[in-house]
N, C-alpha and C. Protein backbone atom coordinates (compact mmCIF):
# COMPACT_ATOMS: atom_id res chain seq x y z
N MET A 1 153.69 126.86 154.61
CA MET A 1 153.20 127.75 155.60
C MET A 1 152.59 126.82 156.81
N ALA A 2 153.17 127.10 158.00
CA ALA A 2 152.43 126.45 159.10
C ALA A 2 150.95 126.63 159.31
N LEU A 3 150.22 125.81 159.72
CA LEU A 3 148.86 125.86 159.96
C LEU A 3 148.45 127.28 160.76
N SER A 4 149.16 127.52 161.80
CA SER A 4 148.91 128.60 162.64
C SER A 4 149.18 130.04 162.00
N GLU A 5 150.13 129.95 160.94
CA GLU A 5 150.44 131.26 160.24
C GLU A 5 149.19 131.93 159.39
N GLN A 6 148.33 130.95 159.22
CA GLN A 6 147.29 131.39 158.43
C GLN A 6 146.10 132.13 159.23
N TYR A 7 146.28 132.17 160.57
CA TYR A 7 145.44 132.98 161.33
C TYR A 7 146.11 134.15 162.09
N VAL A 8 145.49 135.20 161.91
CA VAL A 8 146.06 136.40 162.59
C VAL A 8 145.74 136.35 164.08
N ASP A 9 144.48 136.18 164.42
CA ASP A 9 144.04 136.19 165.79
C ASP A 9 143.21 134.91 166.12
N GLU A 10 143.97 133.92 166.60
CA GLU A 10 143.26 132.56 166.90
C GLU A 10 142.21 132.82 167.83
N GLY A 11 142.19 133.80 168.80
CA GLY A 11 141.15 133.92 169.69
C GLY A 11 139.84 134.08 169.15
N ASP A 12 139.73 134.53 167.95
CA ASP A 12 138.53 134.69 167.36
C ASP A 12 137.94 133.59 166.62
N ILE A 13 138.74 132.44 166.51
CA ILE A 13 138.50 131.32 165.58
C ILE A 13 137.86 130.29 166.60
N HIS A 14 136.86 129.66 166.31
CA HIS A 14 136.15 128.51 166.94
C HIS A 14 136.83 127.22 166.73
N PRO A 15 137.19 126.37 167.70
CA PRO A 15 137.81 125.23 167.51
C PRO A 15 137.38 124.31 166.26
N ILE A 16 136.04 124.26 166.07
CA ILE A 16 135.58 123.42 164.96
C ILE A 16 135.94 124.26 163.58
N ASP A 17 135.89 125.49 163.59
CA ASP A 17 136.55 126.05 162.42
C ASP A 17 137.80 125.87 162.09
N VAL A 18 138.76 125.72 162.99
CA VAL A 18 140.10 125.41 162.91
C VAL A 18 140.13 123.83 162.42
N VAL A 19 139.29 123.01 162.92
CA VAL A 19 139.28 121.56 162.39
C VAL A 19 138.87 121.58 160.99
N GLU A 20 137.73 122.36 160.74
CA GLU A 20 137.53 122.35 159.25
C GLU A 20 138.47 122.83 158.21
N HIS A 21 139.32 123.83 158.65
CA HIS A 21 140.45 124.31 157.91
C HIS A 21 141.41 123.20 157.84
N ILE A 22 141.72 122.44 158.92
CA ILE A 22 142.69 121.32 158.88
C ILE A 22 142.19 120.32 157.83
N ALA A 23 141.02 119.88 157.81
CA ALA A 23 140.36 118.93 157.06
C ALA A 23 140.56 119.38 155.60
N THR A 24 140.30 120.69 155.28
CA THR A 24 140.41 121.12 153.98
C THR A 24 141.96 121.19 153.61
N HIS A 25 142.71 121.61 154.55
CA HIS A 25 144.32 121.54 154.21
C HIS A 25 144.74 120.16 153.75
N HIS A 26 144.14 119.13 154.63
CA HIS A 26 144.55 117.61 154.25
C HIS A 26 143.71 116.95 153.17
N ASP A 27 142.83 117.85 152.70
CA ASP A 27 142.02 117.23 151.63
C ASP A 27 141.12 115.94 152.02
N TRP A 28 140.65 116.11 153.35
CA TRP A 28 139.91 114.92 153.89
C TRP A 28 138.37 115.39 153.66
N GLU A 29 137.62 114.40 153.46
CA GLU A 29 136.19 114.54 153.36
C GLU A 29 135.59 114.72 154.56
N PHE A 30 134.80 116.01 154.73
CA PHE A 30 134.20 116.39 155.88
C PHE A 30 132.79 116.93 155.72
N ASP A 31 132.01 116.89 156.87
CA ASP A 31 130.56 117.27 156.84
C ASP A 31 130.49 118.29 158.29
N ARG A 32 130.31 119.55 158.13
CA ARG A 32 130.03 120.34 159.27
C ARG A 32 128.52 120.10 159.63
N ILE A 33 128.42 119.14 160.78
CA ILE A 33 127.22 118.80 161.27
C ILE A 33 126.37 119.85 161.96
N ALA A 34 127.15 120.60 162.59
CA ALA A 34 126.50 121.71 163.49
C ALA A 34 127.67 122.77 163.69
N ASP A 35 127.33 123.99 164.26
CA ASP A 35 128.28 124.89 164.62
C ASP A 35 129.40 124.44 165.57
N ASP A 36 128.97 123.37 166.38
CA ASP A 36 129.92 122.81 167.25
C ASP A 36 130.43 121.45 167.00
N GLN A 37 130.19 120.91 165.76
CA GLN A 37 130.57 119.46 165.46
C GLN A 37 130.78 119.34 164.00
N ILE A 38 131.81 118.49 163.80
CA ILE A 38 132.19 118.13 162.42
C ILE A 38 132.67 116.64 162.30
N ALA A 39 132.24 116.10 161.30
CA ALA A 39 132.56 114.66 160.84
C ALA A 39 133.51 114.54 159.79
N MET A 40 134.39 113.68 159.69
CA MET A 40 135.31 113.61 158.50
C MET A 40 135.71 112.20 158.52
N ALA A 41 136.26 111.91 157.19
CA ALA A 41 136.88 110.54 156.86
C ALA A 41 138.29 110.82 156.70
N VAL A 42 139.12 110.03 157.33
CA VAL A 42 140.59 110.04 157.15
C VAL A 42 140.98 108.68 156.62
N GLU A 43 141.69 108.61 155.55
CA GLU A 43 142.31 107.36 155.11
C GLU A 43 143.41 106.88 155.85
N GLY A 44 143.39 105.76 156.26
CA GLY A 44 144.77 105.19 156.93
C GLY A 44 145.21 103.93 156.01
N GLN A 45 146.18 103.34 156.49
CA GLN A 45 146.78 102.09 155.75
C GLN A 45 145.77 101.07 155.78
N TRP A 46 145.12 100.73 156.89
CA TRP A 46 144.26 99.65 157.09
C TRP A 46 142.88 99.79 156.64
N ARG A 47 142.42 101.20 156.79
CA ARG A 47 141.09 101.40 156.38
C ARG A 47 140.82 102.89 156.58
N THR A 48 139.78 103.32 156.19
CA THR A 48 139.24 104.81 156.37
C THR A 48 138.56 104.68 157.71
N TYR A 49 138.97 105.78 158.49
CA TYR A 49 138.61 106.00 159.83
C TYR A 49 137.55 107.25 159.81
N SER A 50 136.55 107.08 160.60
CA SER A 50 135.56 108.13 160.74
C SER A 50 135.95 108.88 162.12
N LEU A 51 136.08 110.21 161.87
CA LEU A 51 136.33 110.98 163.08
C LEU A 51 135.36 112.11 163.14
N THR A 52 134.91 112.35 164.42
CA THR A 52 133.98 113.50 164.87
C THR A 52 134.59 114.10 165.91
N LEU A 53 134.54 115.46 165.64
CA LEU A 53 135.03 116.35 166.68
C LEU A 53 134.03 117.40 167.09
N ALA A 54 133.81 117.54 168.44
CA ALA A 54 132.69 118.41 168.89
C ALA A 54 133.16 119.22 169.95
N TRP A 55 132.78 120.48 169.91
CA TRP A 55 133.15 121.40 171.02
C TRP A 55 131.97 121.49 172.03
N SER A 56 132.45 121.40 173.19
CA SER A 56 131.49 121.52 174.33
C SER A 56 131.90 122.82 175.29
N GLY A 57 131.06 123.85 175.11
CA GLY A 57 131.33 125.11 175.76
C GLY A 57 131.09 125.04 177.33
N ALA A 58 130.15 124.11 177.69
CA ALA A 58 129.88 123.89 179.03
C ALA A 58 131.13 123.38 179.81
N ASP A 59 131.87 122.59 179.37
CA ASP A 59 132.98 122.09 180.03
C ASP A 59 134.29 122.36 179.46
N GLU A 60 134.27 123.29 178.30
CA GLU A 60 135.38 123.80 177.63
C GLU A 60 136.36 122.70 177.09
N THR A 61 135.78 121.67 176.36
CA THR A 61 136.42 120.51 176.01
C THR A 61 136.25 120.24 174.47
N LEU A 62 137.21 120.00 173.75
CA LEU A 62 137.08 119.66 172.43
C LEU A 62 137.12 118.11 172.38
N ARG A 63 136.20 117.55 172.11
CA ARG A 63 136.06 115.96 172.01
C ARG A 63 136.23 115.33 170.80
N LEU A 64 137.05 114.20 170.71
CA LEU A 64 137.28 113.62 169.42
C LEU A 64 136.98 112.20 169.72
N ILE A 65 136.29 111.70 168.65
CA ILE A 65 136.10 110.26 168.67
C ILE A 65 136.59 109.81 167.09
N CYS A 66 137.27 108.62 167.03
CA CYS A 66 137.76 108.07 165.89
C CYS A 66 137.34 106.59 165.92
N THR A 67 136.46 106.32 165.03
CA THR A 67 135.80 104.90 164.77
C THR A 67 136.09 104.20 163.71
N PHE A 68 135.86 102.86 163.82
CA PHE A 68 136.04 101.99 162.62
C PHE A 68 135.01 100.76 162.97
N GLU A 69 134.42 100.22 161.94
CA GLU A 69 133.57 99.21 162.12
C GLU A 69 134.18 97.97 162.35
N MET A 70 133.63 97.11 163.10
CA MET A 70 134.34 95.86 163.42
C MET A 70 133.08 94.76 163.99
N GLU A 71 133.06 93.67 163.53
CA GLU A 71 132.07 92.72 163.96
C GLU A 71 132.64 91.40 164.38
N PRO A 72 133.26 91.47 165.66
CA PRO A 72 133.98 90.24 166.07
C PRO A 72 132.78 89.25 166.32
N PRO A 73 133.19 87.89 166.29
CA PRO A 73 132.20 86.87 166.56
C PRO A 73 132.08 87.07 168.24
N ALA A 74 130.90 86.87 168.70
CA ALA A 74 130.41 86.88 170.06
C ALA A 74 131.33 86.09 171.09
N GLU A 75 131.92 84.98 170.72
CA GLU A 75 132.68 84.13 171.43
C GLU A 75 134.12 84.77 171.69
N ARG A 76 134.49 85.77 170.80
CA ARG A 76 135.70 86.33 170.85
C ARG A 76 135.83 87.69 171.76
N LEU A 77 134.49 88.16 172.23
CA LEU A 77 134.44 89.38 172.95
C LEU A 77 135.27 89.33 174.26
N PRO A 78 135.24 88.39 175.04
CA PRO A 78 136.06 88.44 176.14
C PRO A 78 137.63 88.67 175.83
N ALA A 79 138.10 88.00 174.94
CA ALA A 79 139.45 88.16 174.37
C ALA A 79 139.66 89.56 173.95
N LEU A 80 138.70 90.15 173.21
CA LEU A 80 138.64 91.51 172.81
C LEU A 80 138.65 92.49 174.02
N TYR A 81 138.01 92.24 174.98
CA TYR A 81 137.91 93.15 176.19
C TYR A 81 139.28 93.06 176.87
N GLU A 82 139.89 91.93 176.82
CA GLU A 82 141.28 91.81 177.47
C GLU A 82 142.38 92.85 176.64
N THR A 83 142.09 92.44 175.27
CA THR A 83 142.95 93.25 174.41
C THR A 83 142.89 94.81 174.79
N LEU A 84 141.54 95.32 174.80
CA LEU A 84 141.29 96.69 175.03
C LEU A 84 141.91 97.08 176.27
N ASN A 85 141.96 96.40 177.39
CA ASN A 85 142.53 96.75 178.71
C ASN A 85 144.09 96.79 178.42
N ARG A 86 144.65 95.87 177.73
CA ARG A 86 146.17 95.99 177.41
C ARG A 86 146.54 97.19 176.70
N VAL A 87 145.76 97.33 175.52
CA VAL A 87 145.98 98.53 174.67
C VAL A 87 145.91 99.86 175.46
N ASN A 88 144.88 99.90 176.26
CA ASN A 88 144.64 101.29 176.98
C ASN A 88 145.73 101.46 178.08
N ASP A 89 146.38 100.33 178.47
CA ASP A 89 147.54 100.66 179.33
C ASP A 89 148.79 101.26 178.63
N MET A 90 148.60 101.14 177.21
CA MET A 90 149.67 101.70 176.56
C MET A 90 149.47 103.02 175.83
N CYS A 91 148.17 103.49 176.12
CA CYS A 91 147.64 104.68 175.58
C CYS A 91 147.77 105.84 176.68
N TRP A 92 148.52 106.81 176.56
CA TRP A 92 148.72 107.83 177.47
C TRP A 92 147.68 109.04 177.22
N ALA A 93 147.25 109.24 175.95
CA ALA A 93 146.45 110.28 175.44
C ALA A 93 145.32 109.45 174.75
N GLY A 94 144.12 109.53 175.37
CA GLY A 94 142.92 108.77 174.78
C GLY A 94 142.87 107.24 175.08
N SER A 95 141.88 106.78 174.72
CA SER A 95 141.56 105.25 175.12
C SER A 95 140.65 104.81 174.11
N PHE A 96 140.58 103.45 173.92
CA PHE A 96 139.66 102.68 173.22
C PHE A 96 138.71 102.24 173.88
N THR A 97 137.49 101.93 173.31
CA THR A 97 136.43 101.28 173.97
C THR A 97 135.57 100.55 172.71
N TRP A 98 134.81 99.57 173.06
CA TRP A 98 134.14 98.99 172.19
C TRP A 98 132.55 99.21 172.38
N TRP A 99 131.98 99.75 171.30
CA TRP A 99 130.50 99.98 171.29
C TRP A 99 129.80 98.89 170.52
N GLY A 100 129.53 97.85 171.27
CA GLY A 100 128.98 96.59 170.78
C GLY A 100 127.58 96.81 169.87
N GLU A 101 126.73 97.63 170.58
CA GLU A 101 125.45 97.90 169.80
C GLU A 101 125.64 98.58 168.48
N GLN A 102 126.66 99.30 168.16
CA GLN A 102 126.86 99.91 166.95
C GLN A 102 128.01 99.09 166.16
N ASN A 103 128.62 98.08 166.63
CA ASN A 103 129.61 97.31 165.94
C ASN A 103 130.82 98.45 165.64
N LEU A 104 131.25 99.12 166.62
CA LEU A 104 132.27 100.15 166.45
C LEU A 104 133.39 100.14 167.47
N MET A 105 134.58 100.01 167.05
CA MET A 105 135.70 100.21 167.88
C MET A 105 135.97 101.76 167.84
N VAL A 106 136.16 102.40 169.07
CA VAL A 106 136.17 103.76 169.28
C VAL A 106 137.36 104.22 169.93
N TYR A 107 138.17 105.20 169.49
CA TYR A 107 139.19 105.79 170.32
C TYR A 107 138.67 107.25 170.61
N ARG A 108 138.73 107.61 171.89
CA ARG A 108 138.16 108.75 172.40
C ARG A 108 139.35 109.58 173.08
N TYR A 109 139.21 110.81 172.78
CA TYR A 109 140.10 111.94 173.53
C TYR A 109 139.39 113.07 173.73
N GLY A 110 139.71 113.84 174.91
CA GLY A 110 139.20 115.19 175.09
C GLY A 110 140.22 116.06 175.38
N LEU A 111 140.23 117.18 174.72
CA LEU A 111 141.22 118.27 174.92
C LEU A 111 140.49 119.50 175.69
N VAL A 112 140.86 119.46 176.96
CA VAL A 112 140.24 120.45 177.90
C VAL A 112 141.02 121.85 177.75
N LEU A 113 140.26 122.78 177.47
CA LEU A 113 140.61 124.09 177.11
C LEU A 113 140.02 125.18 178.22
N ALA A 114 140.03 124.87 179.36
CA ALA A 114 139.55 125.55 180.45
C ALA A 114 140.17 126.84 180.68
N GLY A 115 139.44 128.00 181.01
CA GLY A 115 139.88 129.36 181.25
C GLY A 115 140.17 129.95 180.01
N ASP A 116 139.20 129.69 179.01
CA ASP A 116 139.36 130.37 177.75
C ASP A 116 140.79 130.14 176.93
N GLN A 117 141.27 128.84 177.10
CA GLN A 117 142.44 128.52 176.52
C GLN A 117 142.22 128.46 175.17
N ILE A 118 143.11 128.66 174.13
CA ILE A 118 143.06 128.32 172.74
C ILE A 118 144.18 127.20 172.29
N ALA A 119 143.27 126.39 171.43
CA ALA A 119 144.08 125.21 170.94
C ALA A 119 144.60 125.77 169.64
N SER A 120 146.04 125.59 169.40
CA SER A 120 146.47 125.93 168.08
C SER A 120 146.18 124.85 167.02
N PRO A 121 146.18 125.43 165.81
CA PRO A 121 145.96 124.59 164.56
C PRO A 121 146.73 123.36 164.85
N GLU A 122 148.11 123.55 165.08
CA GLU A 122 149.15 122.53 165.19
C GLU A 122 148.57 121.49 166.23
N GLN A 123 148.29 121.95 167.21
CA GLN A 123 147.83 121.09 168.44
C GLN A 123 146.59 120.42 167.98
N ILE A 124 145.58 120.71 167.36
CA ILE A 124 144.28 119.97 166.94
C ILE A 124 144.88 119.02 165.82
N ASP A 125 145.68 119.56 164.97
CA ASP A 125 146.15 118.54 163.75
C ASP A 125 146.84 117.29 164.50
N THR A 126 147.80 117.55 165.43
CA THR A 126 148.40 116.58 166.22
C THR A 126 147.46 115.57 166.84
N MET A 127 146.50 116.26 167.61
CA MET A 127 145.34 115.32 168.19
C MET A 127 144.89 114.41 167.23
N ILE A 128 144.47 115.00 166.07
CA ILE A 128 143.73 114.20 165.03
C ILE A 128 144.79 113.11 164.59
N GLY A 129 146.05 113.47 164.31
CA GLY A 129 146.99 112.47 163.82
C GLY A 129 147.38 111.50 164.88
N ALA A 130 147.26 111.80 166.02
CA ALA A 130 147.49 110.77 167.32
C ALA A 130 146.42 109.73 167.27
N ALA A 131 145.28 110.34 167.04
CA ALA A 131 143.88 109.33 167.05
C ALA A 131 144.10 108.37 165.96
N VAL A 132 144.33 108.86 164.78
CA VAL A 132 144.57 107.90 163.58
C VAL A 132 145.70 106.93 163.65
N MET A 133 146.80 107.51 164.31
CA MET A 133 148.01 106.65 164.44
C MET A 133 147.75 105.59 165.50
N SER A 134 147.07 105.88 166.50
CA SER A 134 146.69 104.85 167.53
C SER A 134 145.71 103.75 166.93
N ALA A 135 144.73 104.24 166.18
CA ALA A 135 143.82 103.32 165.33
C ALA A 135 144.74 102.47 164.54
N GLU A 136 145.49 103.05 163.81
CA GLU A 136 146.31 102.28 162.88
C GLU A 136 147.31 101.21 163.68
N ARG A 137 147.85 101.71 164.66
CA ARG A 137 148.83 100.96 165.63
C ARG A 137 148.22 99.53 166.14
N PHE A 138 146.89 99.80 166.55
CA PHE A 138 146.31 98.62 167.30
C PHE A 138 145.28 98.03 166.49
N TYR A 139 144.82 98.50 165.39
CA TYR A 139 144.06 97.79 164.29
C TYR A 139 144.35 96.34 164.23
N PRO A 140 145.55 95.93 163.82
CA PRO A 140 146.00 94.57 163.75
C PRO A 140 145.84 93.83 165.05
N ALA A 141 146.14 94.42 166.09
CA ALA A 141 145.92 93.50 167.28
C ALA A 141 144.44 93.03 167.42
N PHE A 142 143.46 94.07 167.41
CA PHE A 142 142.08 93.89 167.36
C PHE A 142 141.68 92.82 166.44
N GLN A 143 142.20 92.94 165.23
CA GLN A 143 141.83 91.93 164.11
C GLN A 143 142.43 90.44 164.55
N LEU A 144 143.59 90.36 164.92
CA LEU A 144 144.20 89.31 165.34
C LEU A 144 143.42 88.41 166.28
N VAL A 145 142.79 89.21 167.45
CA VAL A 145 142.16 88.61 168.51
C VAL A 145 140.77 88.24 167.99
N ALA A 146 140.17 89.03 167.16
CA ALA A 146 138.83 88.55 166.74
C ALA A 146 138.72 87.76 165.77
N TRP A 147 139.56 87.71 164.89
CA TRP A 147 139.54 86.76 163.55
C TRP A 147 140.56 85.61 163.61
N ALA A 148 141.61 85.79 164.14
CA ALA A 148 142.80 84.71 163.87
C ALA A 148 142.92 83.90 165.28
N GLY A 149 141.99 84.25 166.31
CA GLY A 149 142.13 83.54 167.57
C GLY A 149 143.08 83.50 168.39
N ARG A 150 143.98 84.58 168.29
CA ARG A 150 145.11 85.00 168.92
C ARG A 150 144.88 85.46 170.34
N SER A 151 145.73 85.24 171.16
CA SER A 151 145.51 85.81 172.56
C SER A 151 145.65 87.21 172.54
N ALA A 152 145.26 87.98 173.53
CA ALA A 152 145.32 89.36 173.64
C ALA A 152 146.84 89.56 173.82
N GLU A 153 147.67 88.86 174.67
CA GLU A 153 149.03 89.12 174.98
C GLU A 153 149.74 88.92 173.51
N ASP A 154 149.57 87.96 172.70
CA ASP A 154 150.23 87.90 171.47
C ASP A 154 149.91 88.95 170.55
N ALA A 155 148.62 89.31 170.44
CA ALA A 155 148.19 90.25 169.46
C ALA A 155 148.83 91.64 169.89
N VAL A 156 148.90 92.05 171.20
CA VAL A 156 149.38 93.37 171.52
C VAL A 156 150.92 93.31 171.22
N LYS A 157 151.48 92.25 171.26
CA LYS A 157 153.07 92.13 171.03
C LYS A 157 153.23 92.74 169.54
N VAL A 158 152.28 92.42 168.60
CA VAL A 158 152.40 92.83 167.23
C VAL A 158 152.50 94.54 167.24
N ALA A 159 151.59 94.98 168.15
CA ALA A 159 151.36 96.57 168.23
C ALA A 159 152.62 97.04 168.76
N ILE A 160 153.23 96.34 169.92
CA ILE A 160 154.31 96.98 170.44
C ILE A 160 155.56 96.86 169.68
N ALA A 161 155.68 95.78 168.79
CA ALA A 161 156.88 95.65 167.88
C ALA A 161 156.69 96.64 166.68
N GLU A 162 155.55 97.04 166.53
CA GLU A 162 155.11 97.82 165.33
C GLU A 162 155.41 96.99 164.13
N ALA A 163 155.08 95.83 164.20
CA ALA A 163 155.42 94.76 163.12
C ALA A 163 154.11 94.74 162.14
N TYR A 164 153.67 95.92 161.95
CA TYR A 164 152.59 96.05 161.06
C TYR A 164 153.05 96.59 159.82
N GLY A 165 152.31 96.57 158.68
CA GLY A 165 152.97 97.37 157.41
C GLY A 165 152.74 96.42 156.20
N ARG A 166 153.28 96.94 155.22
CA ARG A 166 153.17 96.17 153.95
C ARG A 166 154.46 95.76 153.40
N ALA A 167 154.62 94.48 152.87
CA ALA A 167 155.74 94.03 152.42
C ALA A 167 156.14 94.62 150.96
């Protein structure tokens, strides 16, 4: 059964209620932080990603952040910033940023639903999936730059070639 088939009238469903249903459907750990915010953990190949989705009624935007901890050596930060620029040039939906104070790599995306638009469960599920897929795709590049001393150019080639995985 498709996710949207479980709703008769999606107009009465709050976007975070839909996210909670999706998290339950996928058996992800989640915590409903507030009426307009939910946090969950999604297991990836490389690590478990922390996702937070929040609804902002003021600008009618469903905001998503997908984070993972990272503690790159200070001397590698310039190369990490260059990698972020290269990676973001390849991301058409969402972008990465480094929150140094929290030691977090962050993927951010905002789904604007102006004019009382409704996001379908499939659309929200796809948004979450795209965030995790982007984190999975570029995680090796960030690690290669931070810990293997690779250049941003070389590290991003790994992501472009999708040469990550398990043998």
